[in-house]
C-alpha atoms as a PDB file:
ATOM      1  CA  MET A   1      68.060  65.186  97.512  1.00  0.00           C
ATOM      2  CA  GLY A   2      66.033  68.292  98.157  1.00  0.00           C
ATOM      3  CA  GLY A   3      67.980  70.812  96.097  1.00  0.00           C
ATOM      4  CA  LEU A   4      66.278  73.558  94.165  1.00  0.00           C
ATOM      5  CA  LYS A   5      66.447  74.247  90.468  1.00  0.00           C
ATOM      6  CA  TRP A   6      64.935  77.696  90.101  1.00  0.00           C
ATOM      7  CA  LYS A   7      65.606  80.655  87.856  1.00  0.00           C
ATOM      8  CA  PRO A   8      64.879  84.209  89.041  1.00  0.00           C
ATOM      9  CA  GLY A   9      62.421  84.762  86.177  1.00  0.00           C
ATOM     10  CA  ASP A  10      60.349  81.624  86.837  1.00  0.00           C
ATOM     11  CA  LYS A  11      56.632  82.157  87.212  1.00  0.00           C
ATOM     12  CA  GLU A  12      56.249  79.157  89.500  1.00  0.00           C
ATOM     13  CA  ASP A  13      56.658  80.474  93.033  1.00  0.00           C
ATOM     14  CA  THR A  14      55.791  77.284  94.885  1.00  0.00           C
ATOM     15  CA  LYS A  15      59.478  76.505  95.496  1.00  0.00           C
ATOM     16  CA  ARG A  16      60.568  79.839  96.924  1.00  0.00           C
ATOM     17  CA  TRP A  17      60.192  78.457 100.447  1.00  0.00           C
ATOM     18  CA  HIS A  18      63.279  76.380  99.716  1.00  0.00           C
ATOM     19  CA  ILE A  19      65.510  79.445 100.047  1.00  0.00           C
ATOM     20  CA  PHE A  20      64.617  79.545 103.755  1.00  0.00           C
ATOM     21  CA  THR A  21      64.612  75.796 104.448  1.00  0.00           C
ATOM     22  CA  SER A  22      67.671  74.705 102.458  1.00  0.00           C
ATOM     23  CA  ILE A  23      69.773  75.506 105.514  1.00  0.00           C
ATOM     24  CA  PHE A  24      68.729  72.184 107.011  1.00  0.00           C
ATOM     25  CA  ILE A  25      69.365  70.023 103.915  1.00  0.00           C
ATOM     26  CA  HIS A  26      72.603  68.032 103.480  1.00  0.00           C
ATOM     27  CA  SER A  27      74.005  66.692 100.222  1.00  0.00           C
ATOM     28  CA  GLY A  28      74.629  63.214 101.556  1.00  0.00           C
ATOM     29  CA  LEU A  29      75.747  61.145 104.509  1.00  0.00           C
ATOM     30  CA  ALA A  30      79.325  62.495 104.454  1.00  0.00           C
ATOM     31  CA  SER A  31      78.023  66.078 104.515  1.00  0.00           C
ATOM     32  CA  LEU A  32      75.737  65.259 107.432  1.00  0.00           C
ATOM     33  CA  ILE A  33      78.533  63.647 109.441  1.00  0.00           C
ATOM     34  CA  LEU A  34      81.106  66.387 108.787  1.00  0.00           C
ATOM     35  CA  ASN A  35      78.647  69.193 109.517  1.00  0.00           C
ATOM     36  CA  THR A  36      77.534  67.486 112.723  1.00  0.00           C
ATOM     37  CA  ILE A  37      81.125  67.101 113.902  1.00  0.00           C
ATOM     38  CA  SER A  38      81.819  70.747 113.064  1.00  0.00           C
ATOM     39  CA  LEU A  39      78.759  71.846 115.006  1.00  0.00           C
ATOM     40  CA  LEU A  40      79.653  69.701 118.011  1.00  0.00           C
ATOM     41  CA  TYR A  41      83.172  71.091 118.280  1.00  0.00           C
ATOM     42  CA  GLY A  42      82.444  74.692 117.337  1.00  0.00           C
ATOM     43  CA  ALA A  43      78.912  75.624 118.272  1.00  0.00           C
ATOM     44  CA  ILE A  44      78.919  74.239 121.799  1.00  0.00           C
ATOM     45  CA  GLY A  45      81.664  76.651 122.868  1.00  0.00           C
ATOM     46  CA  LEU A  46      79.904  79.541 121.170  1.00  0.00           C
ATOM     47  CA  GLU A  47      76.609  78.663 122.853  1.00  0.00           C
ATOM     48  CA  ARG A  48      78.275  78.820 126.247  1.00  0.00           C
ATOM     49  CA  THR A  49      79.612  82.289 125.467  1.00  0.00           C
ATOM     50  CA  PHE A  50      76.831  83.909 123.449  1.00  0.00           C
ATOM     51  CA  ARG A  51      73.736  81.839 124.392  1.00  0.00           C
ATOM     52  CA  VAL A  52      71.526  79.695 122.205  1.00  0.00           C
ATOM     53  CA  VAL A  53      69.326  82.394 120.660  1.00  0.00           C
ATOM     54  CA  ARG A  54      72.235  84.405 119.246  1.00  0.00           C
ATOM     55  CA  ILE A  55      73.953  81.326 117.846  1.00  0.00           C
ATOM     56  CA  GLY A  56      70.691  80.083 116.336  1.00  0.00           C
ATOM     57  CA  LEU A  57      70.149  83.455 114.710  1.00  0.00           C
ATOM     58  CA  LEU A  58      73.745  83.506 113.425  1.00  0.00           C
ATOM     59  CA  TYR A  59      73.324  79.974 112.024  1.00  0.00           C
ATOM     60  CA  TYR A  60      70.094  80.862 110.258  1.00  0.00           C
ATOM     61  CA  LEU A  61      71.310  84.204 108.874  1.00  0.00           C
ATOM     62  CA  SER A  62      74.601  82.797 107.603  1.00  0.00           C
ATOM     63  CA  GLY A  63      72.759  79.893 105.980  1.00  0.00           C
ATOM     64  CA  LEU A  64      70.244  82.268 104.432  1.00  0.00           C
ATOM     65  CA  GLY A  65      73.042  84.489 103.141  1.00  0.00           C
ATOM     66  CA  GLY A  66      74.804  81.479 101.654  1.00  0.00           C
ATOM     67  CA  SER A  67      71.601  80.299 100.004  1.00  0.00           C
ATOM     68  CA  LEU A  68      70.875  83.715  98.530  1.00  0.00           C
ATOM     69  CA  TRP A  69      74.439  84.058  97.273  1.00  0.00           C
ATOM     70  CA  SER A  70      74.257  80.587  95.735  1.00  0.00           C
ATOM     71  CA  LEU A  71      70.978  81.485  94.072  1.00  0.00           C
ATOM     72  CA  TYR A  72      72.460  84.737  92.752  1.00  0.00           C
ATOM     73  CA  GLU A  73      75.710  83.218  91.529  1.00  0.00           C
ATOM     74  CA  TYR A  74      74.530  79.819  90.270  1.00  0.00           C
ATOM     75  CA  HIS A  75      70.848  80.397  89.595  1.00  0.00           C
ATOM     76  CA  ILE A  76      70.373  77.250  87.507  1.00  0.00           C
ATOM     77  CA  ALA A  77      72.205  74.864  89.833  1.00  0.00           C
ATOM     78  CA  VAL A  78      70.800  72.541  92.438  1.00  0.00           C
ATOM     79  CA  TYR A  79      72.052  73.487  95.886  1.00  0.00           C
ATOM     80  CA  VAL A  80      71.747  72.632  99.552  1.00  0.00           C
ATOM     81  CA  GLY A  81      72.577  75.083 102.298  1.00  0.00           C
ATOM     82  CA  ALA A  82      73.649  73.332 105.493  1.00  0.00           C
ATOM     83  CA  SER A  83      77.350  73.776 104.828  1.00  0.00           C
ATOM     84  CA  GLY A  84      76.938  77.533 104.348  1.00  0.00           C
ATOM     85  CA  ALA A  85      75.414  77.846 107.799  1.00  0.00           C
ATOM     86  CA  VAL A  86      78.192  75.740 109.328  1.00  0.00           C
ATOM     87  CA  CYS A  87      80.799  77.936 107.593  1.00  0.00           C
ATOM     88  CA  GLY A  88      79.156  80.981 109.173  1.00  0.00           C
ATOM     89  CA  LEU A  89      79.510  79.414 112.612  1.00  0.00           C
ATOM     90  CA  SER A  90      83.116  78.452 111.837  1.00  0.00           C
ATOM     91  CA  GLY A  91      83.806  82.085 110.991  1.00  0.00           C
ATOM     92  CA  ALA A  92      82.294  83.095 114.329  1.00  0.00           C
ATOM     93  CA  VAL A  93      84.527  80.580 116.141  1.00  0.00           C
ATOM     94  CA  PHE A  94      87.643  81.939 114.442  1.00  0.00           C
ATOM     95  CA  SER A  95      86.566  85.526 115.144  1.00  0.00           C
ATOM     96  CA  ASP A  96      86.070  84.661 118.804  1.00  0.00           C
ATOM     97  CA  ILE A  97      89.532  83.067 118.935  1.00  0.00           C
ATOM     98  CA  ILE A  98      91.185  86.075 117.305  1.00  0.00           C
ATOM     99  CA  ILE A  99      89.404  88.633 119.493  1.00  0.00           C
ATOM    100  CA  ASN A 100      90.163  86.771 122.714  1.00  0.00           C
ATOM    101  CA  TRP A 101      93.728  85.769 121.822  1.00  0.00           C
ATOM    102  CA  LYS A 102      96.193  86.472 124.601  1.00  0.00           C
ATOM    103  CA  SER A 103      99.905  86.251 123.865  1.00  0.00           C
END
């Protein structure tokens, strides 16, 4: 399904691009639907507050961080990275709620 099986010592570097593009790969239909719902409910409010460019950068950087951590921790496993990027946006939503909480 587009996952990567790569070890840090591999000589074949034709698959290293996958670290940067795995952010847009889902592990199945359920993952696609749940991530889309999460983005619709969370990211739209963030985009209104912080604008599209900042949210896009946050999405990409959190997905890249999740992909690199997955590669570091489970370097022989096949992985996809869309959920890591959505978790980064979910963390931003919760941070925004906590910072702007008024009792």
